[in-house]
Amino acid sequence: MRLWSIHPKYLDRAGLVALWRESLLAQKVLREETKGYKRHPQLKRFWGHPNPVGAIANYLIAVWEESKRRGYNFDKGKIGTVAPVEKIPVTRGQLKYEFDRLCDKLKSRNIVRYRELLSIKEIECHPIFEVIEGGVEEWEATGNYRSLANKNEDFNLAEYCV
């Protein structure tokens, strides 16, 4: 499960469809409608929110809005009740890590999209999040990336994986 902190506009078709599917699963988990995934690291931010179900509904609506902008037909009826909720903090280091991870995936899956993203200088976060200073989040499984990235703000996962 990957609930991206970066804005859904950066994802390619396959990434956006996967995000929709995984976000709907996260909604079921947060509603306690399933037994699995309750302790998944990607859900820590939502479980820690004062209104986890409302937060994931707001997360989903932004994914749905991106799908609509692209002309896709995601079913808005699958999203729970959407009401204003507090934003969830996300570190600048986490955004950079996720953006680099996406670029690394796109290198082999969608080279055209990968090249488009190379010009991005300021990474926008998903609308449910609010950017704060900091490195890669502790819950993120990164291998050596965290120590390398936290030492060098210009570090790029795509270059590291070459």
N, C-alpha and C. Protein backbone atom coordinates (compact mmCIF):
# COMPACT_ATOMS: atom_id res chain seq x y z
N MET A 1 0.86 -1.18 0.00
CA MET A 1 0.00 0.00 0.00
C MET A 1 0.90 1.23 0.00
N ARG A 2 0.59 2.18 -0.87
CA ARG A 2 1.33 3.44 -0.93
C ARG A 2 0.30 4.56 -1.01
N LEU A 3 0.23 5.36 0.04
CA LEU A 3 -0.61 6.55 0.05
C LEU A 3 0.33 7.74 -0.12
N TRP A 4 0.47 8.15 -1.36
CA TRP A 4 1.44 9.18 -1.71
C TRP A 4 1.17 10.49 -0.98
N SER A 5 2.23 11.13 -0.52
CA SER A 5 2.15 12.47 0.07
C SER A 5 2.26 13.53 -1.01
N ILE A 6 2.87 13.17 -2.14
CA ILE A 6 2.99 14.11 -3.26
C ILE A 6 1.62 14.27 -3.92
N HIS A 7 1.44 15.36 -4.63
CA HIS A 7 0.17 15.62 -5.30
C HIS A 7 -0.10 14.54 -6.34
N PRO A 8 -1.35 14.07 -6.45
CA PRO A 8 -1.67 13.02 -7.43
C PRO A 8 -1.42 13.42 -8.88
N LYS A 9 -1.29 14.71 -9.16
CA LYS A 9 -1.06 15.14 -10.54
C LYS A 9 0.26 14.62 -11.10
N TYR A 10 1.19 14.24 -10.23
CA TYR A 10 2.48 13.74 -10.69
C TYR A 10 2.42 12.29 -11.17
N LEU A 11 1.42 11.56 -10.76
CA LEU A 11 1.33 10.13 -11.07
C LEU A 11 0.93 9.91 -12.53
N ASP A 12 1.43 8.83 -13.10
CA ASP A 12 0.97 8.42 -14.42
C ASP A 12 -0.35 7.67 -14.26
N ARG A 13 -0.92 7.22 -15.36
CA ARG A 13 -2.21 6.52 -15.31
C ARG A 13 -2.17 5.33 -14.36
N ALA A 14 -1.16 4.48 -14.50
CA ALA A 14 -1.07 3.28 -13.66
C ALA A 14 -0.94 3.67 -12.19
N GLY A 15 -0.17 4.70 -11.90
CA GLY A 15 0.01 5.14 -10.53
C GLY A 15 -1.26 5.71 -9.92
N LEU A 16 -2.02 6.47 -10.71
CA LEU A 16 -3.26 7.06 -10.20
C LEU A 16 -4.31 5.99 -9.95
N VAL A 17 -4.41 5.03 -10.85
CA VAL A 17 -5.38 3.93 -10.66
C VAL A 17 -5.01 3.12 -9.42
N ALA A 18 -3.73 2.83 -9.24
CA ALA A 18 -3.27 2.09 -8.06
C ALA A 18 -3.55 2.89 -6.79
N LEU A 19 -3.32 4.19 -6.83
CA LEU A 19 -3.57 5.03 -5.67
C LEU A 19 -5.05 5.03 -5.30
N TRP A 20 -5.91 5.10 -6.29
CA TRP A 20 -7.35 5.05 -6.04
C TRP A 20 -7.72 3.74 -5.34
N ARG A 21 -7.25 2.65 -5.88
CA ARG A 21 -7.56 1.33 -5.32
C ARG A 21 -7.01 1.20 -3.88
N GLU A 22 -5.78 1.62 -3.68
CA GLU A 22 -5.16 1.48 -2.36
C GLU A 22 -5.76 2.45 -1.35
N SER A 23 -6.20 3.61 -1.79
CA SER A 23 -6.85 4.58 -0.90
C SER A 23 -8.22 4.07 -0.46
N LEU A 24 -8.92 3.41 -1.38
CA LEU A 24 -10.21 2.81 -1.00
C LEU A 24 -10.01 1.70 0.02
N LEU A 25 -8.94 0.92 -0.15
CA LEU A 25 -8.61 -0.11 0.85
C LEU A 25 -8.30 0.56 2.19
N ALA A 26 -7.53 1.63 2.17
CA ALA A 26 -7.20 2.35 3.40
C ALA A 26 -8.47 2.86 4.08
N GLN A 27 -9.43 3.33 3.30
CA GLN A 27 -10.69 3.79 3.87
C GLN A 27 -11.40 2.65 4.60
N LYS A 28 -11.41 1.46 4.00
CA LYS A 28 -12.02 0.29 4.65
C LYS A 28 -11.31 -0.03 5.96
N VAL A 29 -9.98 0.02 5.94
CA VAL A 29 -9.20 -0.27 7.14
C VAL A 29 -9.52 0.75 8.23
N LEU A 30 -9.54 2.02 7.89
CA LEU A 30 -9.80 3.08 8.87
C LEU A 30 -11.24 3.05 9.39
N ARG A 31 -12.14 2.52 8.60
CA ARG A 31 -13.53 2.33 9.05
C ARG A 31 -13.68 1.03 9.84
N GLU A 32 -12.60 0.28 9.92
CA GLU A 32 -12.56 -1.03 10.60
C GLU A 32 -13.51 -2.03 9.95
N GLU A 33 -13.53 -2.01 8.63
CA GLU A 33 -14.35 -2.93 7.84
C GLU A 33 -13.53 -4.10 7.31
N THR A 34 -12.28 -4.18 7.69
CA THR A 34 -11.41 -5.28 7.27
C THR A 34 -10.43 -5.58 8.40
N LYS A 35 -9.93 -6.80 8.42
CA LYS A 35 -9.02 -7.19 9.51
C LYS A 35 -7.56 -6.89 9.19
N GLY A 36 -7.20 -6.92 7.93
CA GLY A 36 -5.81 -6.72 7.56
C GLY A 36 -5.41 -5.26 7.49
N TYR A 37 -4.12 -5.02 7.40
CA TYR A 37 -3.52 -3.70 7.15
C TYR A 37 -3.65 -2.69 8.29
N LYS A 38 -4.25 -3.07 9.42
CA LYS A 38 -4.49 -2.09 10.49
C LYS A 38 -3.21 -1.42 10.97
N ARG A 39 -2.11 -2.14 10.90
CA ARG A 39 -0.84 -1.58 11.38
C ARG A 39 0.10 -1.20 10.25
N HIS A 40 -0.43 -1.07 9.07
CA HIS A 40 0.42 -0.72 7.93
C HIS A 40 1.03 0.66 8.16
N PRO A 41 2.36 0.79 7.95
CA PRO A 41 3.03 2.07 8.21
C PRO A 41 2.43 3.25 7.45
N GLN A 42 1.90 3.02 6.25
CA GLN A 42 1.32 4.11 5.47
C GLN A 42 0.08 4.71 6.15
N LEU A 43 -0.51 3.97 7.08
CA LEU A 43 -1.73 4.45 7.74
C LEU A 43 -1.47 5.18 9.05
N LYS A 44 -0.22 5.17 9.52
CA LYS A 44 0.09 5.82 10.80
C LYS A 44 -0.39 7.27 10.84
N ARG A 45 -0.17 7.99 9.77
CA ARG A 45 -0.55 9.41 9.73
C ARG A 45 -2.06 9.58 9.88
N PHE A 46 -2.81 8.66 9.29
CA PHE A 46 -4.26 8.76 9.35
C PHE A 46 -4.79 8.31 10.72
N TRP A 47 -4.24 7.23 11.26
CA TRP A 47 -4.66 6.79 12.60
C TRP A 47 -4.38 7.87 13.63
N GLY A 48 -3.31 8.65 13.43
CA GLY A 48 -2.95 9.71 14.37
C GLY A 48 -3.77 10.99 14.22
N HIS A 49 -4.58 11.06 13.20
CA HIS A 49 -5.42 12.24 12.95
C HIS A 49 -6.64 12.20 13.87
N PRO A 50 -7.14 13.35 14.33
CA PRO A 50 -8.34 13.36 15.19
C PRO A 50 -9.57 12.73 14.52
N ASN A 51 -9.61 12.74 13.18
CA ASN A 51 -10.73 12.16 12.44
C ASN A 51 -10.16 11.33 11.28
N PRO A 52 -9.69 10.10 11.57
CA PRO A 52 -9.05 9.29 10.53
C PRO A 52 -9.94 9.04 9.31
N VAL A 53 -11.21 8.76 9.54
CA VAL A 53 -12.11 8.45 8.43
C VAL A 53 -12.36 9.70 7.59
N GLY A 54 -12.53 10.83 8.24
CA GLY A 54 -12.69 12.09 7.50
C GLY A 54 -11.44 12.47 6.73
N ALA A 55 -10.28 12.19 7.32
CA ALA A 55 -9.01 12.51 6.64
C ALA A 55 -8.85 11.68 5.38
N ILE A 56 -9.16 10.38 5.46
CA ILE A 56 -9.00 9.54 4.26
C ILE A 56 -10.05 9.91 3.21
N ALA A 57 -11.23 10.34 3.63
CA ALA A 57 -12.24 10.78 2.66
C ALA A 57 -11.73 12.02 1.91
N ASN A 58 -11.10 12.93 2.63
CA ASN A 58 -10.52 14.12 1.99
C ASN A 58 -9.36 13.73 1.09
N TYR A 59 -8.59 12.74 1.49
CA TYR A 59 -7.50 12.24 0.66
C TYR A 59 -8.08 11.70 -0.65
N LEU A 60 -9.11 10.88 -0.52
CA LEU A 60 -9.74 10.26 -1.69
C LEU A 60 -10.37 11.28 -2.63
N ILE A 61 -10.97 12.32 -2.08
CA ILE A 61 -11.64 13.29 -2.96
C ILE A 61 -10.61 13.99 -3.85
N ALA A 62 -9.42 14.23 -3.34
CA ALA A 62 -8.38 14.86 -4.18
C ALA A 62 -7.93 13.90 -5.28
N VAL A 63 -7.87 12.61 -4.97
CA VAL A 63 -7.52 11.61 -6.00
C VAL A 63 -8.63 11.56 -7.04
N TRP A 64 -9.88 11.57 -6.59
CA TRP A 64 -11.02 11.56 -7.51
C TRP A 64 -10.99 12.82 -8.40
N GLU A 65 -10.71 13.99 -7.80
CA GLU A 65 -10.66 15.23 -8.59
C GLU A 65 -9.59 15.16 -9.68
N GLU A 66 -8.45 14.56 -9.37
CA GLU A 66 -7.40 14.41 -10.38
C GLU A 66 -7.87 13.46 -11.48
N SER A 67 -8.58 12.40 -11.09
CA SER A 67 -9.08 11.46 -12.10
C SER A 67 -10.09 12.15 -13.02
N LYS A 68 -10.94 12.97 -12.44
CA LYS A 68 -11.94 13.70 -13.22
C LYS A 68 -11.25 14.67 -14.19
N ARG A 69 -10.20 15.36 -13.70
CA ARG A 69 -9.46 16.30 -14.54
C ARG A 69 -8.89 15.59 -15.77
N ARG A 70 -8.52 14.32 -15.60
CA ARG A 70 -7.94 13.54 -16.70
C ARG A 70 -9.00 12.84 -17.56
N GLY A 71 -10.25 12.94 -17.17
CA GLY A 71 -11.31 12.30 -17.94
C GLY A 71 -11.55 10.85 -17.57
N TYR A 72 -11.04 10.41 -16.42
CA TYR A 72 -11.28 9.04 -15.96
C TYR A 72 -12.64 8.98 -15.28
N ASN A 73 -13.10 7.77 -15.00
CA ASN A 73 -14.44 7.60 -14.45
C ASN A 73 -14.40 6.88 -13.10
N PHE A 74 -13.67 7.42 -12.12
CA PHE A 74 -13.65 6.83 -10.79
C PHE A 74 -15.00 7.10 -10.12
N ASP A 75 -15.49 6.16 -9.34
CA ASP A 75 -16.80 6.26 -8.70
C ASP A 75 -16.73 7.08 -7.41
N LYS A 76 -17.17 8.32 -7.48
CA LYS A 76 -17.15 9.21 -6.32
C LYS A 76 -18.01 8.67 -5.17
N GLY A 77 -19.01 7.86 -5.50
CA GLY A 77 -19.89 7.29 -4.49
C GLY A 77 -19.18 6.36 -3.51
N LYS A 78 -17.98 5.93 -3.85
CA LYS A 78 -17.22 5.05 -2.95
C LYS A 78 -16.51 5.82 -1.84
N ILE A 79 -16.52 7.14 -1.94
CA ILE A 79 -15.84 7.98 -0.94
C ILE A 79 -16.80 8.28 0.19
N GLY A 80 -16.30 8.17 1.43
CA GLY A 80 -17.12 8.50 2.59
C GLY A 80 -17.44 9.99 2.64
N THR A 81 -18.08 10.40 3.70
CA THR A 81 -18.49 11.79 3.87
C THR A 81 -17.27 12.70 3.94
N VAL A 82 -17.30 13.73 3.12
CA VAL A 82 -16.19 14.69 3.06
C VAL A 82 -16.61 15.96 3.78
N ALA A 83 -15.83 16.34 4.77
CA ALA A 83 -16.03 17.58 5.51
C ALA A 83 -14.65 18.15 5.82
N PRO A 84 -14.57 19.44 6.08
CA PRO A 84 -13.25 20.01 6.39
C PRO A 84 -12.60 19.30 7.58
N VAL A 85 -11.33 18.99 7.44
CA VAL A 85 -10.55 18.38 8.52
C VAL A 85 -9.19 19.07 8.60
N GLU A 86 -8.53 18.87 9.73
CA GLU A 86 -7.18 19.40 9.90
C GLU A 86 -6.24 18.75 8.89
N LYS A 87 -5.29 19.52 8.42
CA LYS A 87 -4.28 18.96 7.52
C LYS A 87 -3.32 18.09 8.33
N ILE A 88 -2.69 17.16 7.63
CA ILE A 88 -1.73 16.25 8.24
C ILE A 88 -0.33 16.74 7.89
N PRO A 89 0.55 16.88 8.87
CA PRO A 89 1.90 17.32 8.53
C PRO A 89 2.68 16.26 7.75
N VAL A 90 3.47 16.71 6.80
CA VAL A 90 4.38 15.84 6.05
C VAL A 90 5.69 16.59 5.89
N THR A 91 6.78 15.89 6.07
CA THR A 91 8.08 16.56 6.00
C THR A 91 8.51 16.77 4.55
N ARG A 92 9.30 17.81 4.37
CA ARG A 92 9.86 18.10 3.06
C ARG A 92 10.71 16.92 2.57
N GLY A 93 11.42 16.29 3.50
CA GLY A 93 12.24 15.13 3.15
C GLY A 93 11.40 13.96 2.66
N GLN A 94 10.21 13.78 3.24
CA GLN A 94 9.31 12.71 2.79
C GLN A 94 8.83 12.97 1.38
N LEU A 95 8.47 14.22 1.09
CA LEU A 95 8.04 14.57 -0.27
C LEU A 95 9.14 14.30 -1.27
N LYS A 96 10.35 14.70 -0.94
CA LYS A 96 11.49 14.48 -1.84
C LYS A 96 11.71 12.98 -2.06
N TYR A 97 11.64 12.21 -0.97
CA TYR A 97 11.82 10.76 -1.08
C TYR A 97 10.77 10.16 -2.02
N GLU A 98 9.51 10.52 -1.81
CA GLU A 98 8.43 9.96 -2.63
C GLU A 98 8.55 10.39 -4.08
N PHE A 99 8.91 11.65 -4.30
CA PHE A 99 9.05 12.13 -5.68
C PHE A 99 10.18 11.37 -6.37
N ASP A 100 11.30 11.19 -5.68
CA ASP A 100 12.42 10.43 -6.25
C ASP A 100 12.01 8.98 -6.51
N ARG A 101 11.24 8.42 -5.58
CA ARG A 101 10.79 7.03 -5.74
C ARG A 101 9.88 6.91 -6.97
N LEU A 102 8.96 7.86 -7.12
CA LEU A 102 8.08 7.85 -8.29
C LEU A 102 8.91 7.97 -9.57
N CYS A 103 9.84 8.89 -9.60
CA CYS A 103 10.69 9.06 -10.80
C CYS A 103 11.43 7.77 -11.12
N ASP A 104 11.91 7.09 -10.10
CA ASP A 104 12.61 5.83 -10.33
C ASP A 104 11.68 4.79 -10.95
N LYS A 105 10.44 4.72 -10.47
CA LYS A 105 9.46 3.78 -11.04
C LYS A 105 9.14 4.15 -12.50
N LEU A 106 8.98 5.45 -12.74
CA LEU A 106 8.59 5.90 -14.08
C LEU A 106 9.70 5.71 -15.11
N LYS A 107 10.93 5.67 -14.67
CA LYS A 107 12.06 5.45 -15.59
C LYS A 107 11.85 4.19 -16.41
N SER A 108 11.29 3.15 -15.78
CA SER A 108 11.09 1.90 -16.51
C SER A 108 9.64 1.72 -16.98
N ARG A 109 8.69 2.41 -16.35
CA ARG A 109 7.28 2.19 -16.67
C ARG A 109 6.72 3.21 -17.66
N ASN A 110 7.19 4.45 -17.58
CA ASN A 110 6.62 5.52 -18.41
C ASN A 110 7.68 6.61 -18.60
N ILE A 111 8.57 6.38 -19.53
CA ILE A 111 9.72 7.28 -19.74
C ILE A 111 9.28 8.69 -20.12
N VAL A 112 8.17 8.83 -20.84
CA VAL A 112 7.68 10.16 -21.21
C VAL A 112 7.30 10.94 -19.95
N ARG A 113 6.54 10.31 -19.06
CA ARG A 113 6.14 10.97 -17.81
C ARG A 113 7.37 11.26 -16.95
N TYR A 114 8.30 10.34 -16.92
CA TYR A 114 9.54 10.53 -16.16
C TYR A 114 10.25 11.81 -16.63
N ARG A 115 10.38 11.96 -17.93
CA ARG A 115 11.07 13.15 -18.47
C ARG A 115 10.31 14.44 -18.15
N GLU A 116 8.99 14.37 -18.15
CA GLU A 116 8.19 15.55 -17.79
C GLU A 116 8.47 15.99 -16.35
N LEU A 117 8.63 15.01 -15.47
CA LEU A 117 8.83 15.33 -14.06
C LEU A 117 10.22 15.86 -13.75
N LEU A 118 11.17 15.63 -14.63
CA LEU A 118 12.54 16.08 -14.38
C LEU A 118 12.65 17.60 -14.24
N SER A 119 11.70 18.33 -14.81
CA SER A 119 11.75 19.79 -14.75
C SER A 119 11.12 20.36 -13.48
N ILE A 120 10.50 19.52 -12.67
CA ILE A 120 9.84 19.99 -11.44
C ILE A 120 10.89 20.42 -10.42
N LYS A 121 10.75 21.64 -9.93
CA LYS A 121 11.68 22.17 -8.92
C LYS A 121 11.05 22.19 -7.53
N GLU A 122 9.79 22.56 -7.46
CA GLU A 122 9.06 22.61 -6.19
C GLU A 122 8.01 21.51 -6.20
N ILE A 123 8.15 20.55 -5.31
CA ILE A 123 7.23 19.41 -5.25
C ILE A 123 6.00 19.81 -4.43
N GLU A 124 4.83 19.70 -5.04
CA GLU A 124 3.58 20.00 -4.32
C GLU A 124 3.11 18.75 -3.58
N CYS A 125 2.55 18.98 -2.41
CA CYS A 125 2.01 17.85 -1.65
C CYS A 125 0.53 17.64 -1.98
N HIS A 126 0.05 16.47 -1.64
CA HIS A 126 -1.38 16.16 -1.73
C HIS A 126 -2.11 17.18 -0.85
N PRO A 127 -3.29 17.65 -1.25
CA PRO A 127 -3.99 18.71 -0.50
C PRO A 127 -4.31 18.40 0.97
N ILE A 128 -4.36 17.14 1.37
CA ILE A 128 -4.65 16.82 2.78
C ILE A 128 -3.44 17.10 3.67
N PHE A 129 -2.27 17.25 3.05
CA PHE A 129 -1.05 17.43 3.83
C PHE A 129 -0.60 18.88 3.87
N GLU A 130 0.20 19.17 4.89
CA GLU A 130 0.83 20.47 5.07
C GLU A 130 2.32 20.22 5.26
N VAL A 131 3.14 20.88 4.47
CA VAL A 131 4.58 20.62 4.49
C VAL A 131 5.24 21.29 5.69
N ILE A 132 6.06 20.50 6.38
CA ILE A 132 6.89 21.00 7.47
C ILE A 132 8.33 20.60 7.16
N GLU A 133 9.27 21.22 7.84
CA GLU A 133 10.67 20.86 7.64
C GLU A 133 10.94 19.49 8.26
N GLY A 134 11.91 18.80 7.72
CA GLY A 134 12.31 17.52 8.28
C GLY A 134 12.74 16.56 7.21
N GLY A 135 13.34 15.47 7.65
CA GLY A 135 13.83 14.44 6.75
C GLY A 135 12.74 13.45 6.38
N VAL A 136 13.16 12.29 5.93
CA VAL A 136 12.23 11.23 5.57
C VAL A 136 11.54 10.75 6.85
N GLU A 137 10.24 10.51 6.77
CA GLU A 137 9.46 10.08 7.94
C GLU A 137 9.99 8.75 8.48
N GLU A 138 9.91 8.58 9.79
CA GLU A 138 10.43 7.38 10.44
C GLU A 138 9.70 6.11 10.02
N TRP A 139 8.43 6.21 9.68
CA TRP A 139 7.65 5.02 9.32
C TRP A 139 7.98 4.52 7.91
N GLU A 140 8.67 5.33 7.13
CA GLU A 140 8.97 4.97 5.74
C GLU A 140 10.11 3.96 5.69
N ALA A 141 9.90 2.88 4.94
CA ALA A 141 10.95 1.88 4.72
C ALA A 141 11.82 2.37 3.57
N THR A 142 13.07 2.73 3.88
CA THR A 142 13.89 3.40 2.87
C THR A 142 15.21 2.72 2.56
N GLY A 143 15.59 1.73 3.30
CA GLY A 143 16.94 1.18 3.10
C GLY A 143 17.96 2.24 3.48
N ASN A 144 18.96 2.47 2.65
CA ASN A 144 20.00 3.47 2.91
C ASN A 144 19.58 4.88 2.52
N TYR A 145 18.45 5.03 1.88
CA TYR A 145 18.05 6.34 1.36
C TYR A 145 18.02 7.39 2.46
N ARG A 146 17.39 7.06 3.62
CA ARG A 146 17.20 8.06 4.67
C ARG A 146 18.53 8.68 5.09
N SER A 147 19.52 7.86 5.38
CA SER A 147 20.79 8.42 5.85
C SER A 147 21.48 9.21 4.75
N LEU A 148 21.42 8.74 3.51
CA LEU A 148 22.04 9.46 2.40
C LEU A 148 21.31 10.77 2.12
N ALA A 149 19.99 10.72 2.08
CA ALA A 149 19.20 11.91 1.75
C ALA A 149 19.27 12.96 2.84
N ASN A 150 19.25 12.53 4.10
CA ASN A 150 19.28 13.50 5.19
C ASN A 150 20.63 14.20 5.30
N LYS A 151 21.66 13.62 4.72
CA LYS A 151 22.99 14.25 4.71
C LYS A 151 23.15 15.19 3.52
N ASN A 152 22.36 14.99 2.47
CA ASN A 152 22.54 15.75 1.23
C ASN A 152 21.18 16.07 0.63
N GLU A 153 20.75 17.32 0.72
CA GLU A 153 19.41 17.68 0.24
C GLU A 153 19.26 17.58 -1.27
N ASP A 154 20.37 17.50 -2.00
CA ASP A 154 20.32 17.34 -3.46
C ASP A 154 20.33 15.88 -3.88
N PHE A 155 20.31 14.97 -2.89
CA PHE A 155 20.34 13.54 -3.18
C PHE A 155 19.12 13.15 -4.02
N ASN A 156 19.32 12.28 -4.99
CA ASN A 156 18.25 11.86 -5.89
C ASN A 156 18.21 10.34 -5.95
N LEU A 157 17.07 9.75 -5.57
CA LEU A 157 16.93 8.30 -5.56
C LEU A 157 17.16 7.70 -6.93
N ALA A 158 16.67 8.36 -7.97
CA ALA A 158 16.82 7.82 -9.32
C ALA A 158 18.30 7.65 -9.66
N GLU A 159 19.13 8.59 -9.25
CA GLU A 159 20.56 8.47 -9.50
C GLU A 159 21.18 7.39 -8.62
N TYR A 160 20.70 7.26 -7.39
CA TYR A 160 21.19 6.27 -6.45
C TYR A 160 20.92 4.85 -6.95
N CYS A 161 19.80 4.66 -7.62
CA CYS A 161 19.39 3.33 -8.07
C CYS A 161 20.00 2.93 -9.40
N VAL A 162 20.68 3.82 -10.08
CA VAL A 162 21.25 3.51 -11.39
C VAL A 162 22.34 2.47 -11.28
